Amino acid sequence: MKKQYIILFLILCIVGFLLGYKYIWSAKKNVTENKSPGELSSLSKIVVESSTPSSNKWLYTYVIEKEGLGKKYGLDIEWKDISTSEGPRALLANDVNIAFINPFATIRANTSSDKKMKIFGFAYNINYACYALESSNINTVNDLRGKTIVTSSKGSTGYAVLDLLITNMGYNLEQDFKILSVPLAASVVALEKNEAAATCVTPYNIVPLDDSIKLKTIINLNDLWFKEISKIQPYTGIGALEEWLKDHTKEALAFRNAWNDAGRYINDHPELFQLQDVRENLKIVSDQDVNDYIGAFKTMSSPIWDASVVAGTNEYLSKMSEFNKSSEENSFDIYTLYN
């Protein structure tokens, strides 16, 4: 009898173990299957373009790391320093998985390479304007003819937008003006030292200027773009190679989620600009600088990934002579993973 009880006990233990294992496995399976888009069940390693502290892009990466937003969405992010205009090259060379690329450079690269890049999210609004010293006699674009204009490096979003809009106004950027391409952080210094008649930068880049330096806006690229097509201008995009995206859709969506979370966090936490390491990296020296950065960031923060903005970009690009030479170049199939 005692032996029978022992056998029965062992049978019940085995049945209980099997039922318990099935329950745990089923629960784990459901959790994995019910993950929302952009969430991964385990950490995935990705390599992403980074930048210098003077860029607003740096602030996003700072928040993503500080708040653990990568891990929140299942990502182990390695940041790799890449020059602003080098995103397409870095993607094509497989130096990074994700880079920040503009639609113009993407179209150009895709028409000259077998590898195709896709933009799967908006990084931020470039919101460029060209400024001159308030004391100068520069008041219009025509006043700048033959003079030096400081821009971001050729291939960057800012340069591309400036080139297209200036062309649409009847000028040739490289023939009618002297162009000095330098990193954005250095462009305002050139204006300060009277090495240029105007500088084309974002509001974010003029904050570190000495308060005694007064600027006036000569041309606002955002306003020009909106005047042309009644839609906001294209944004710097979050991009990757099409072949990588096919196998890493979840990683791409996860990074886009983390990036957008960072943008919302910065907008919701203005005290971020008071942190010592942020003040040091952005060269914040006064409360006015803090307020200026908060205002500048709000004009540049990421919009919703909206197909209407994509349509507006394509509509305007199709009007530009560089992109309507052939049916191949007129194909703007560079966007993917809409909400």
C-alpha atoms as a PDB file:
ATOM      1  CA  MET A   1       0.000   0.000   0.000  1.00  0.00           C
ATOM      2  CA  LYS A   2       2.772   2.355   0.942  1.00  0.00           C
ATOM      3  CA  LYS A   3       4.433   1.657  -2.382  1.00  0.00           C
ATOM      4  CA  GLN A   4       1.214   2.534  -4.238  1.00  0.00           C
ATOM      5  CA  TYR A   5       1.022   5.900  -2.434  1.00  0.00           C
ATOM      6  CA  ILE A   6       4.576   6.671  -3.430  1.00  0.00           C
ATOM      7  CA  ILE A   7       3.875   5.856  -7.086  1.00  0.00           C
ATOM      8  CA  LEU A   8       0.685   7.964  -7.030  1.00  0.00           C
ATOM      9  CA  PHE A   9       2.611  10.855  -5.459  1.00  0.00           C
ATOM     10  CA  LEU A  10       5.289  10.664  -8.149  1.00  0.00           C
ATOM     11  CA  ILE A  11       2.655  10.592 -10.898  1.00  0.00           C
ATOM     12  CA  LEU A  12       0.962  13.698  -9.455  1.00  0.00           C
ATOM     13  CA  CYS A  13       4.335  15.466  -9.263  1.00  0.00           C
ATOM     14  CA  ILE A  14       5.067  14.710 -12.911  1.00  0.00           C
ATOM     15  CA  VAL A  15       1.585  15.844 -14.035  1.00  0.00           C
ATOM     16  CA  GLY A  16       1.917  19.026 -11.959  1.00  0.00           C
ATOM     17  CA  PHE A  17       5.332  19.768 -13.438  1.00  0.00           C
ATOM     18  CA  LEU A  18       4.079  19.285 -16.997  1.00  0.00           C
ATOM     19  CA  LEU A  19       1.018  21.457 -16.441  1.00  0.00           C
ATOM     20  CA  GLY A  20       3.136  24.165 -14.804  1.00  0.00           C
ATOM     21  CA  TYR A  21       5.686  24.124 -17.611  1.00  0.00           C
ATOM     22  CA  LYS A  22       2.927  24.372 -20.225  1.00  0.00           C
ATOM     23  CA  TYR A  23       1.373  27.344 -18.388  1.00  0.00           C
ATOM     24  CA  ILE A  24       4.687  29.214 -18.099  1.00  0.00           C
ATOM     25  CA  TRP A  25       5.641  28.533 -21.724  1.00  0.00           C
ATOM     26  CA  SER A  26       2.201  29.632 -22.929  1.00  0.00           C
ATOM     27  CA  ALA A  27       2.353  32.849 -20.882  1.00  0.00           C
ATOM     28  CA  LYS A  28       5.823  33.648 -22.176  1.00  0.00           C
ATOM     29  CA  LYS A  29       4.661  32.979 -25.727  1.00  0.00           C
ATOM     30  CA  ASN A  30       1.674  35.296 -25.311  1.00  0.00           C
ATOM     31  CA  VAL A  31       3.836  38.072 -23.900  1.00  0.00           C
ATOM     32  CA  THR A  32       6.191  37.792 -26.863  1.00  0.00           C
ATOM     33  CA  GLU A  33       3.388  37.660 -29.409  1.00  0.00           C
ATOM     34  CA  ASN A  34       1.540  40.574 -27.840  1.00  0.00           C
ATOM     35  CA  LYS A  35       4.522  42.922 -27.936  1.00  0.00           C
ATOM     36  CA  SER A  36       3.478  46.214 -29.490  1.00  0.00           C
ATOM     37  CA  PRO A  37       5.290  47.333 -32.660  1.00  0.00           C
ATOM     38  CA  GLY A  38       8.780  48.506 -31.863  1.00  0.00           C
ATOM     39  CA  GLU A  39       9.170  46.380 -28.732  1.00  0.00           C
ATOM     40  CA  LEU A  40      11.571  43.452 -28.627  1.00  0.00           C
ATOM     41  CA  SER A  41      11.472  40.471 -26.282  1.00  0.00           C
ATOM     42  CA  SER A  42      15.258  40.603 -25.779  1.00  0.00           C
ATOM     43  CA  LEU A  43      17.983  43.190 -26.284  1.00  0.00           C
ATOM     44  CA  SER A  44      19.081  43.646 -29.883  1.00  0.00           C
ATOM     45  CA  LYS A  45      22.389  45.335 -30.733  1.00  0.00           C
ATOM     46  CA  ILE A  46      22.276  48.181 -33.274  1.00  0.00           C
ATOM     47  CA  VAL A  47      24.858  50.768 -34.332  1.00  0.00           C
ATOM     48  CA  VAL A  48      23.541  54.311 -34.745  1.00  0.00           C
ATOM     49  CA  GLU A  49      25.082  57.554 -35.973  1.00  0.00           C
ATOM     50  CA  SER A  50      25.896  60.035 -33.229  1.00  0.00           C
ATOM     51  CA  SER A  51      27.200  63.617 -33.319  1.00  0.00           C
ATOM     52  CA  THR A  52      29.022  66.377 -31.475  1.00  0.00           C
ATOM     53  CA  PRO A  53      27.454  68.048 -28.402  1.00  0.00           C
ATOM     54  CA  SER A  54      26.748  71.251 -30.342  1.00  0.00           C
ATOM     55  CA  SER A  55      24.036  69.459 -32.334  1.00  0.00           C
ATOM     56  CA  ASN A  56      20.456  69.055 -31.132  1.00  0.00           C
ATOM     57  CA  LYS A  57      20.897  65.446 -32.208  1.00  0.00           C
ATOM     58  CA  TRP A  58      23.293  65.071 -29.285  1.00  0.00           C
ATOM     59  CA  LEU A  59      20.564  66.065 -26.828  1.00  0.00           C
ATOM     60  CA  TYR A  60      18.327  63.264 -28.118  1.00  0.00           C
ATOM     61  CA  THR A  61      21.093  60.699 -27.706  1.00  0.00           C
ATOM     62  CA  TYR A  62      21.873  62.060 -24.243  1.00  0.00           C
ATOM     63  CA  VAL A  63      18.256  61.588 -23.128  1.00  0.00           C
ATOM     64  CA  ILE A  64      17.983  58.136 -24.709  1.00  0.00           C
ATOM     65  CA  GLU A  65      20.998  57.018 -22.681  1.00  0.00           C
ATOM     66  CA  LYS A  66      20.118  58.900 -19.478  1.00  0.00           C
ATOM     67  CA  GLU A  67      16.536  57.628 -19.391  1.00  0.00           C
ATOM     68  CA  GLY A  68      17.294  54.127 -20.674  1.00  0.00           C
ATOM     69  CA  LEU A  69      14.934  54.527 -23.622  1.00  0.00           C
ATOM     70  CA  GLY A  70      16.905  52.111 -25.786  1.00  0.00           C
ATOM     71  CA  LYS A  71      16.565  49.290 -23.284  1.00  0.00           C
ATOM     72  CA  LYS A  72      12.905  50.229 -22.738  1.00  0.00           C
ATOM     73  CA  TYR A  73      12.278  49.111 -26.313  1.00  0.00           C
ATOM     74  CA  GLY A  74      14.716  46.201 -26.270  1.00  0.00           C
ATOM     75  CA  LEU A  75      17.736  47.852 -27.869  1.00  0.00           C
ATOM     76  CA  ASP A  76      21.416  47.811 -26.996  1.00  0.00           C
ATOM     77  CA  ILE A  77      22.550  50.949 -28.857  1.00  0.00           C
ATOM     78  CA  GLU A  78      26.138  51.626 -29.838  1.00  0.00           C
ATOM     79  CA  TRP A  79      26.571  55.270 -30.858  1.00  0.00           C
ATOM     80  CA  LYS A  80      29.151  55.992 -33.534  1.00  0.00           C
ATOM     81  CA  ASP A  81      30.392  59.531 -34.245  1.00  0.00           C
ATOM     82  CA  ILE A  82      29.671  60.431 -37.863  1.00  0.00           C
ATOM     83  CA  SER A  83      29.883  63.820 -39.556  1.00  0.00           C
ATOM     84  CA  THR A  84      26.468  65.374 -40.289  1.00  0.00           C
ATOM     85  CA  SER A  85      26.749  64.907 -44.056  1.00  0.00           C
ATOM     86  CA  GLU A  86      28.293  61.439 -43.858  1.00  0.00           C
ATOM     87  CA  GLY A  87      25.139  59.497 -42.976  1.00  0.00           C
ATOM     88  CA  PRO A  88      24.529  58.034 -46.463  1.00  0.00           C
ATOM     89  CA  ARG A  89      28.196  57.055 -46.848  1.00  0.00           C
ATOM     90  CA  ALA A  90      28.210  55.395 -43.426  1.00  0.00           C
ATOM     91  CA  LEU A  91      25.083  53.384 -44.278  1.00  0.00           C
ATOM     92  CA  LEU A  92      26.396  52.258 -47.661  1.00  0.00           C
ATOM     93  CA  ALA A  93      29.706  51.236 -46.050  1.00  0.00           C
ATOM     94  CA  ASN A  94      27.821  49.341 -43.311  1.00  0.00           C
ATOM     95  CA  ASP A  95      29.565  51.436 -40.671  1.00  0.00           C
ATOM     96  CA  VAL A  96      26.204  52.002 -38.972  1.00  0.00           C
ATOM     97  CA  ASN A  97      22.767  50.395 -39.096  1.00  0.00           C
ATOM     98  CA  ILE A  98      20.838  53.638 -38.675  1.00  0.00           C
ATOM     99  CA  ALA A  99      21.802  57.179 -39.720  1.00  0.00           C
ATOM    100  CA  PHE A 100      20.187  60.591 -40.052  1.00  0.00           C
ATOM    101  CA  ILE A 101      19.719  61.394 -43.723  1.00  0.00           C
ATOM    102  CA  ASN A 102      17.825  63.973 -45.752  1.00  0.00           C
ATOM    103  CA  PRO A 103      15.551  63.131 -48.704  1.00  0.00           C
ATOM    104  CA  PHE A 104      17.757  64.920 -51.247  1.00  0.00           C
ATOM    105  CA  ALA A 105      20.932  63.022 -50.360  1.00  0.00           C
ATOM    106  CA  THR A 106      18.918  59.800 -50.196  1.00  0.00           C
ATOM    107  CA  ILE A 107      17.555  60.205 -53.716  1.00  0.00           C
ATOM    108  CA  ARG A 108      21.011  61.056 -55.068  1.00  0.00           C
ATOM    109  CA  ALA A 109      22.614  58.071 -53.354  1.00  0.00           C
ATOM    110  CA  ASN A 110      19.872  55.669 -54.431  1.00  0.00           C
ATOM    111  CA  THR A 111      20.229  56.634 -58.116  1.00  0.00           C
ATOM    112  CA  SER A 112      23.962  55.932 -58.060  1.00  0.00           C
ATOM    113  CA  SER A 113      24.128  52.783 -55.925  1.00  0.00           C
ATOM    114  CA  ASP A 114      22.754  49.263 -56.030  1.00  0.00           C
ATOM    115  CA  LYS A 115      22.089  49.542 -52.299  1.00  0.00           C
ATOM    116  CA  LYS A 116      18.940  51.491 -51.528  1.00  0.00           C
ATOM    117  CA  MET A 117      18.308  53.623 -48.465  1.00  0.00           C
ATOM    118  CA  LYS A 118      14.906  54.171 -46.877  1.00  0.00           C
ATOM    119  CA  ILE A 119      13.733  56.832 -44.437  1.00  0.00           C
ATOM    120  CA  PHE A 120      11.450  55.344 -41.784  1.00  0.00           C
ATOM    121  CA  GLY A 121      10.908  58.297 -39.467  1.00  0.00           C
ATOM    122  CA  PHE A 122      11.479  62.031 -38.929  1.00  0.00           C
ATOM    123  CA  ALA A 123      14.424  62.941 -36.730  1.00  0.00           C
ATOM    124  CA  TYR A 124      13.774  66.657 -36.389  1.00  0.00           C
ATOM    125  CA  ASN A 125      12.792  69.795 -38.276  1.00  0.00           C
ATOM    126  CA  ILE A 126      15.855  71.573 -39.632  1.00  0.00           C
ATOM    127  CA  ASN A 127      14.187  75.024 -39.465  1.00  0.00           C
ATOM    128  CA  TYR A 128      17.060  76.843 -41.198  1.00  0.00           C
ATOM    129  CA  ALA A 129      17.319  80.591 -41.699  1.00  0.00           C
ATOM    130  CA  CYS A 130      20.058  82.843 -43.053  1.00  0.00           C
ATOM    131  CA  TYR A 131      21.156  85.586 -40.669  1.00  0.00           C
ATOM    132  CA  ALA A 132      23.276  88.707 -41.064  1.00  0.00           C
ATOM    133  CA  LEU A 133      24.573  91.136 -38.484  1.00  0.00           C
ATOM    134  CA  GLU A 134      21.896  93.658 -37.573  1.00  0.00           C
ATOM    135  CA  SER A 135      24.375  96.466 -38.222  1.00  0.00           C
ATOM    136  CA  SER A 136      25.162  95.311 -41.775  1.00  0.00           C
ATOM    137  CA  ASN A 137      23.643  96.633 -45.003  1.00  0.00           C
ATOM    138  CA  ILE A 138      22.534  93.112 -45.969  1.00  0.00           C
ATOM    139  CA  ASN A 139      18.733  92.967 -46.125  1.00  0.00           C
ATOM    140  CA  THR A 140      17.840  90.682 -49.029  1.00  0.00           C
ATOM    141  CA  VAL A 141      19.206  87.627 -50.794  1.00  0.00           C
ATOM    142  CA  ASN A 142      20.252  89.858 -53.701  1.00  0.00           C
ATOM    143  CA  ASP A 143      22.415  91.891 -51.298  1.00  0.00           C
ATOM    144  CA  LEU A 144      24.405  88.692 -50.696  1.00  0.00           C
ATOM    145  CA  ARG A 145      25.398  88.150 -54.337  1.00  0.00           C
ATOM    146  CA  GLY A 146      29.183  87.853 -54.607  1.00  0.00           C
ATOM    147  CA  LYS A 147      29.528  87.711 -50.834  1.00  0.00           C
ATOM    148  CA  THR A 148      30.386  84.826 -48.509  1.00  0.00           C
ATOM    149  CA  ILE A 149      27.580  82.733 -47.050  1.00  0.00           C
ATOM    150  CA  VAL A 150      28.402  80.216 -44.360  1.00  0.00           C
ATOM    151  CA  THR A 151      26.454  76.954 -44.556  1.00  0.00           C
ATOM    152  CA  SER A 152      26.625  73.488 -43.102  1.00  0.00           C
ATOM    153  CA  SER A 153      28.636  70.963 -45.086  1.00  0.00           C
ATOM    154  CA  LYS A 154      27.606  70.059 -48.615  1.00  0.00           C
ATOM    155  CA  GLY A 155      25.320  67.033 -48.520  1.00  0.00           C
ATOM    156  CA  SER A 156      23.711  68.011 -45.226  1.00  0.00           C
ATOM    157  CA  THR A 157      19.991  68.712 -44.975  1.00  0.00           C
ATOM    158  CA  GLY A 158      20.549  72.428 -44.456  1.00  0.00           C
ATOM    159  CA  TYR A 159      22.766  72.792 -47.511  1.00  0.00           C
ATOM    160  CA  ALA A 160      20.357  70.789 -49.669  1.00  0.00           C
ATOM    161  CA  VAL A 161      17.311  72.844 -48.669  1.00  0.00           C
ATOM    162  CA  LEU A 162      19.210  76.125 -49.120  1.00  0.00           C
ATOM    163  CA  ASP A 163      20.453  75.030 -52.549  1.00  0.00           C
ATOM    164  CA  LEU A 164      16.999  74.021 -53.768  1.00  0.00           C
ATOM    165  CA  LEU A 165      15.217  77.113 -52.483  1.00  0.00           C
ATOM    166  CA  ILE A 166      17.887  79.523 -53.740  1.00  0.00           C
ATOM    167  CA  THR A 167      17.716  77.833 -57.136  1.00  0.00           C
ATOM    168  CA  ASN A 168      13.946  78.232 -57.154  1.00  0.00           C
ATOM    169  CA  MET A 169      14.436  81.974 -56.534  1.00  0.00           C
ATOM    170  CA  GLY A 170      16.504  82.230 -59.712  1.00  0.00           C
ATOM    171  CA  TYR A 171      20.003  82.086 -58.209  1.00  0.00           C
ATOM    172  CA  ASN A 172      22.815  79.567 -58.426  1.00  0.00           C
ATOM    173  CA  LEU A 173      24.151  78.925 -54.939  1.00  0.00           C
ATOM    174  CA  GLU A 174      27.725  78.098 -55.939  1.00  0.00           C
ATOM    175  CA  GLN A 175      28.037  80.611 -58.780  1.00  0.00           C
ATOM    176  CA  ASP A 176      26.257  83.675 -57.382  1.00  0.00           C
ATOM    177  CA  PHE A 177      27.651  83.404 -53.857  1.00  0.00           C
ATOM    178  CA  LYS A 178      30.902  82.472 -52.169  1.00  0.00           C
ATOM    179  CA  ILE A 179      30.172  79.408 -50.078  1.00  0.00           C
ATOM    180  CA  LEU A 180      32.039  78.540 -46.923  1.00  0.00           C
ATOM    181  CA  SER A 181      30.934  75.136 -45.644  1.00  0.00           C
ATOM    182  CA  VAL A 182      31.813  74.480 -42.022  1.00  0.00           C
ATOM    183  CA  PRO A 183      30.220  72.612 -39.106  1.00  0.00           C
ATOM    184  CA  LEU A 184      27.175  74.442 -37.765  1.00  0.00           C
ATOM    185  CA  ALA A 185      28.854  75.244 -34.474  1.00  0.00           C
ATOM    186  CA  ALA A 186      31.634  77.075 -36.317  1.00  0.00           C
ATOM    187  CA  SER A 187      29.391  78.914 -38.764  1.00  0.00           C
ATOM    188  CA  VAL A 188      28.162  81.482 -36.256  1.00  0.00           C
ATOM    189  CA  VAL A 189      31.777  82.153 -35.243  1.00  0.00           C
ATOM    190  CA  ALA A 190      32.616  83.059 -38.852  1.00  0.00           C
ATOM    191  CA  LEU A 191      29.828  85.631 -38.814  1.00  0.00           C
ATOM    192  CA  GLU A 192      30.962  86.957 -35.458  1.00  0.00           C
ATOM    193  CA  LYS A 193      34.482  87.484 -36.847  1.00  0.00           C
ATOM    194  CA  ASN A 194      33.146  89.183 -39.998  1.00  0.00           C
ATOM    195  CA  GLU A 195      34.523  86.378 -42.162  1.00  0.00           C
ATOM    196  CA  ALA A 196      31.129  86.096 -43.882  1.00  0.00           C
ATOM    197  CA  ALA A 197      28.196  88.327 -44.777  1.00  0.00           C
ATOM    198  CA  ALA A 198      25.589  85.798 -43.658  1.00  0.00           C
ATOM    199  CA  THR A 199      25.306  82.438 -41.979  1.00  0.00           C
ATOM    200  CA  CYS A 200      22.602  79.835 -42.583  1.00  0.00           C
ATOM    201  CA  VAL A 201      21.927  77.886 -39.405  1.00  0.00           C
ATOM    202  CA  THR A 202      19.166  76.770 -37.082  1.00  0.00           C
ATOM    203  CA  PRO A 203      17.921  78.799 -34.097  1.00  0.00           C
ATOM    204  CA  TYR A 204      19.633  76.128 -32.010  1.00  0.00           C
ATOM    205  CA  ASN A 205      23.044  77.178 -33.322  1.00  0.00           C
ATOM    206  CA  ILE A 206      22.811  80.901 -32.638  1.00  0.00           C
ATOM    207  CA  VAL A 207      22.063  80.497 -28.919  1.00  0.00           C
ATOM    208  CA  PRO A 208      25.767  80.349 -27.875  1.00  0.00           C
ATOM    209  CA  LEU A 209      26.473  83.707 -29.557  1.00  0.00           C
ATOM    210  CA  ASP A 210      27.505  86.539 -27.286  1.00  0.00           C
ATOM    211  CA  ASP A 211      24.441  88.585 -26.251  1.00  0.00           C
ATOM    212  CA  SER A 212      26.059  91.704 -27.687  1.00  0.00           C
ATOM    213  CA  ILE A 213      25.833  90.247 -31.203  1.00  0.00           C
ATOM    214  CA  LYS A 214      22.499  91.155 -32.774  1.00  0.00           C
ATOM    215  CA  LEU A 215      21.269  89.323 -35.868  1.00  0.00           C
ATOM    216  CA  LYS A 216      18.549  89.864 -38.434  1.00  0.00           C
ATOM    217  CA  THR A 217      16.866  87.250 -40.600  1.00  0.00           C
ATOM    218  CA  ILE A 218      17.554  87.582 -44.333  1.00  0.00           C
ATOM    219  CA  ILE A 219      15.749  84.469 -45.511  1.00  0.00           C
ATOM    220  CA  ASN A 220      13.684  81.915 -43.587  1.00  0.00           C
ATOM    221  CA  LEU A 221      13.776  78.605 -45.414  1.00  0.00           C
ATOM    222  CA  ASN A 222      10.809  77.204 -43.514  1.00  0.00           C
ATOM    223  CA  ASP A 223       8.637  80.128 -44.616  1.00  0.00           C
ATOM    224  CA  LEU A 224       9.806  79.840 -48.219  1.00  0.00           C
ATOM    225  CA  TRP A 225       9.052  76.144 -48.326  1.00  0.00           C
ATOM    226  CA  PHE A 226       5.588  76.608 -46.833  1.00  0.00           C
ATOM    227  CA  LYS A 227       4.867  79.433 -49.280  1.00  0.00           C
ATOM    228  CA  GLU A 228       5.673  77.126 -52.191  1.00  0.00           C
ATOM    229  CA  ILE A 229       3.507  74.137 -51.292  1.00  0.00           C
ATOM    230  CA  SER A 230       1.573  75.048 -48.115  1.00  0.00           C
ATOM    231  CA  LYS A 231       3.266  72.223 -46.241  1.00  0.00           C
ATOM    232  CA  ILE A 232       6.154  72.104 -43.814  1.00  0.00           C
ATOM    233  CA  GLN A 233       9.596  71.511 -45.289  1.00  0.00           C
ATOM    234  CA  PRO A 234      11.199  68.043 -45.215  1.00  0.00           C
ATOM    235  CA  TYR A 235      12.843  66.937 -42.049  1.00  0.00           C
ATOM    236  CA  THR A 236      16.059  65.150 -41.423  1.00  0.00           C
ATOM    237  CA  GLY A 237      15.015  61.525 -41.594  1.00  0.00           C
ATOM    238  CA  ILE A 238      15.895  58.421 -39.616  1.00  0.00           C
ATOM    239  CA  GLY A 239      17.175  56.061 -42.278  1.00  0.00           C
ATOM    240  CA  ALA A 240      18.682  52.668 -42.953  1.00  0.00           C
ATOM    241  CA  LEU A 241      19.497  50.378 -45.856  1.00  0.00           C
ATOM    242  CA  GLU A 242      16.406  48.727 -47.316  1.00  0.00           C
ATOM    243  CA  GLU A 243      17.981  45.263 -47.010  1.00  0.00           C
ATOM    244  CA  TRP A 244      18.690  45.844 -43.290  1.00  0.00           C
ATOM    245  CA  LEU A 245      15.141  47.062 -42.666  1.00  0.00           C
ATOM    246  CA  LYS A 246      13.644  43.899 -44.169  1.00  0.00           C
ATOM    247  CA  ASP A 247      15.297  41.785 -41.476  1.00  0.00           C
ATOM    248  CA  HIS A 248      15.218  44.367 -38.667  1.00  0.00           C
ATOM    249  CA  THR A 249      11.810  46.022 -38.877  1.00  0.00           C
ATOM    250  CA  LYS A 250      11.231  45.646 -35.136  1.00  0.00           C
ATOM    251  CA  GLU A 251      14.611  47.178 -34.322  1.00  0.00           C
ATOM    252  CA  ALA A 252      13.848  50.117 -36.629  1.00  0.00           C
ATOM    253  CA  LEU A 253      10.447  50.737 -35.055  1.00  0.00           C
ATOM    254  CA  ALA A 254      11.949  50.359 -31.591  1.00  0.00           C
ATOM    255  CA  PHE A 255      14.563  53.012 -32.324  1.00  0.00           C
ATOM    256  CA  ARG A 256      11.961  55.352 -33.791  1.00  0.00           C
ATOM    257  CA  ASN A 257       9.889  54.941 -30.627  1.00  0.00           C
ATOM    258  CA  ALA A 258      12.903  55.661 -28.421  1.00  0.00           C
ATOM    259  CA  TRP A 259      13.803  58.738 -30.491  1.00  0.00           C
ATOM    260  CA  ASN A 260      10.263  60.124 -30.337  1.00  0.00           C
ATOM    261  CA  ASP A 261      10.115  59.470 -26.593  1.00  0.00           C
ATOM    262  CA  ALA A 262      13.333  61.461 -26.215  1.00  0.00           C
ATOM    263  CA  GLY A 263      11.815  64.399 -28.101  1.00  0.00           C
ATOM    264  CA  ARG A 264       8.741  64.387 -25.891  1.00  0.00           C
ATOM    265  CA  TYR A 265      10.891  64.115 -22.782  1.00  0.00           C
ATOM    266  CA  ILE A 266      12.980  67.152 -23.749  1.00  0.00           C
ATOM    267  CA  ASN A 267       9.857  69.212 -24.434  1.00  0.00           C
ATOM    268  CA  ASP A 268       8.247  68.122 -21.157  1.00  0.00           C
ATOM    269  CA  HIS A 269      11.368  68.617 -19.003  1.00  0.00           C
ATOM    270  CA  PRO A 270      12.854  72.080 -19.617  1.00  0.00           C
ATOM    271  CA  GLU A 271      14.858  71.616 -16.411  1.00  0.00           C
ATOM    272  CA  LEU A 272      17.037  69.301 -18.489  1.00  0.00           C
ATOM    273  CA  PHE A 273      18.860  72.388 -19.772  1.00  0.00           C
ATOM    274  CA  GLN A 274      19.865  73.228 -16.202  1.00  0.00           C
ATOM    275  CA  LEU A 275      21.853  70.001 -15.718  1.00  0.00           C
ATOM    276  CA  GLN A 276      25.567  70.642 -15.395  1.00  0.00           C
ATOM    277  CA  ASP A 277      26.711  68.280 -18.159  1.00  0.00           C
ATOM    278  CA  VAL A 278      24.065  69.635 -20.549  1.00  0.00           C
ATOM    279  CA  ARG A 279      25.059  73.230 -19.773  1.00  0.00           C
ATOM    280  CA  GLU A 280      28.723  72.404 -20.353  1.00  0.00           C
ATOM    281  CA  ASN A 281      28.160  70.552 -23.622  1.00  0.00           C
ATOM    282  CA  LEU A 282      25.777  73.158 -25.050  1.00  0.00           C
ATOM    283  CA  LYS A 283      27.860  76.037 -23.656  1.00  0.00           C
ATOM    284  CA  ILE A 284      24.942  77.449 -21.672  1.00  0.00           C
ATOM    285  CA  VAL A 285      26.127  80.380 -19.561  1.00  0.00           C
ATOM    286  CA  SER A 286      22.951  82.261 -18.625  1.00  0.00           C
ATOM    287  CA  ASP A 287      19.268  81.793 -17.857  1.00  0.00           C
ATOM    288  CA  GLN A 288      18.539  83.537 -21.153  1.00  0.00           C
ATOM    289  CA  ASP A 289      20.526  80.812 -22.930  1.00  0.00           C
ATOM    290  CA  VAL A 290      18.330  78.220 -21.233  1.00  0.00           C
ATOM    291  CA  ASN A 291      15.159  79.957 -22.425  1.00  0.00           C
ATOM    292  CA  ASP A 292      16.590  80.361 -25.922  1.00  0.00           C
ATOM    293  CA  TYR A 293      17.484  76.676 -26.143  1.00  0.00           C
ATOM    294  CA  ILE A 294      14.045  75.634 -24.924  1.00  0.00           C
ATOM    295  CA  GLY A 295      12.426  77.837 -27.569  1.00  0.00           C
ATOM    296  CA  ALA A 296      14.796  76.698 -30.304  1.00  0.00           C
ATOM    297  CA  PHE A 297      14.255  73.035 -29.519  1.00  0.00           C
ATOM    298  CA  LYS A 298      10.473  73.384 -29.737  1.00  0.00           C
ATOM    299  CA  THR A 299      10.819  74.658 -33.311  1.00  0.00           C
ATOM    300  CA  MET A 300      12.964  71.670 -34.244  1.00  0.00           C
ATOM    301  CA  SER A 301      11.481  68.760 -32.309  1.00  0.00           C
ATOM    302  CA  SER A 302      10.216  65.708 -34.175  1.00  0.00           C
ATOM    303  CA  PRO A 303       6.803  65.867 -35.850  1.00  0.00           C
ATOM    304  CA  ILE A 304       4.555  62.857 -36.263  1.00  0.00           C
ATOM    305  CA  TRP A 305       5.672  60.492 -39.032  1.00  0.00           C
ATOM    306  CA  ASP A 306       2.973  61.724 -41.358  1.00  0.00           C
ATOM    307  CA  ALA A 307       2.458  60.653 -44.963  1.00  0.00           C
ATOM    308  CA  SER A 308       1.118  64.130 -45.834  1.00  0.00           C
ATOM    309  CA  VAL A 309       4.546  65.655 -45.103  1.00  0.00           C
ATOM    310  CA  VAL A 310       6.119  62.993 -47.302  1.00  0.00           C
ATOM    311  CA  ALA A 311       3.666  63.872 -50.075  1.00  0.00           C
ATOM    312  CA  GLY A 312       4.545  67.554 -49.720  1.00  0.00           C
ATOM    313  CA  THR A 313       8.249  66.809 -49.969  1.00  0.00           C
ATOM    314  CA  ASN A 314       7.777  64.728 -53.093  1.00  0.00           C
ATOM    315  CA  GLU A 315       5.541  67.391 -54.641  1.00  0.00           C
ATOM    316  CA  TYR A 316       8.202  70.038 -54.213  1.00  0.00           C
ATOM    317  CA  LEU A 317      11.089  67.802 -55.249  1.00  0.00           C
ATOM    318  CA  SER A 318       9.287  66.981 -58.476  1.00  0.00           C
ATOM    319  CA  LYS A 319       9.391  70.685 -59.379  1.00  0.00           C
ATOM    320  CA  MET A 320      13.146  70.929 -58.991  1.00  0.00           C
ATOM    321  CA  SER A 321      15.188  70.596 -62.196  1.00  0.00           C
ATOM    322  CA  GLU A 322      17.744  68.256 -60.639  1.00  0.00           C
ATOM    323  CA  PHE A 323      15.103  65.643 -59.853  1.00  0.00           C
ATOM    324  CA  ASN A 324      12.888  65.685 -62.969  1.00  0.00           C
ATOM    325  CA  LYS A 325      15.438  64.772 -65.624  1.00  0.00           C
ATOM    326  CA  SER A 326      14.311  61.173 -65.936  1.00  0.00           C
ATOM    327  CA  SER A 327      11.651  58.821 -64.713  1.00  0.00           C
ATOM    328  CA  GLU A 328      14.269  57.048 -62.588  1.00  0.00           C
ATOM    329  CA  GLU A 329      15.368  60.219 -60.777  1.00  0.00           C
ATOM    330  CA  ASN A 330      11.749  61.300 -60.438  1.00  0.00           C
ATOM    331  CA  SER A 331      10.927  58.213 -58.361  1.00  0.00           C
ATOM    332  CA  PHE A 332      10.809  59.252 -54.718  1.00  0.00           C
ATOM    333  CA  ASP A 333      10.246  55.833 -53.222  1.00  0.00           C
ATOM    334  CA  ILE A 334      12.433  56.549 -50.214  1.00  0.00           C
ATOM    335  CA  TYR A 335       9.956  56.352 -47.315  1.00  0.00           C
ATOM    336  CA  THR A 336       8.663  53.334 -45.424  1.00  0.00           C
ATOM    337  CA  LEU A 337       7.096  52.069 -42.180  1.00  0.00           C
ATOM    338  CA  TYR A 338       4.309  54.627 -41.848  1.00  0.00           C
ATOM    339  CA  ASN A 339       2.209  54.592 -38.679  1.00  0.00           C
END
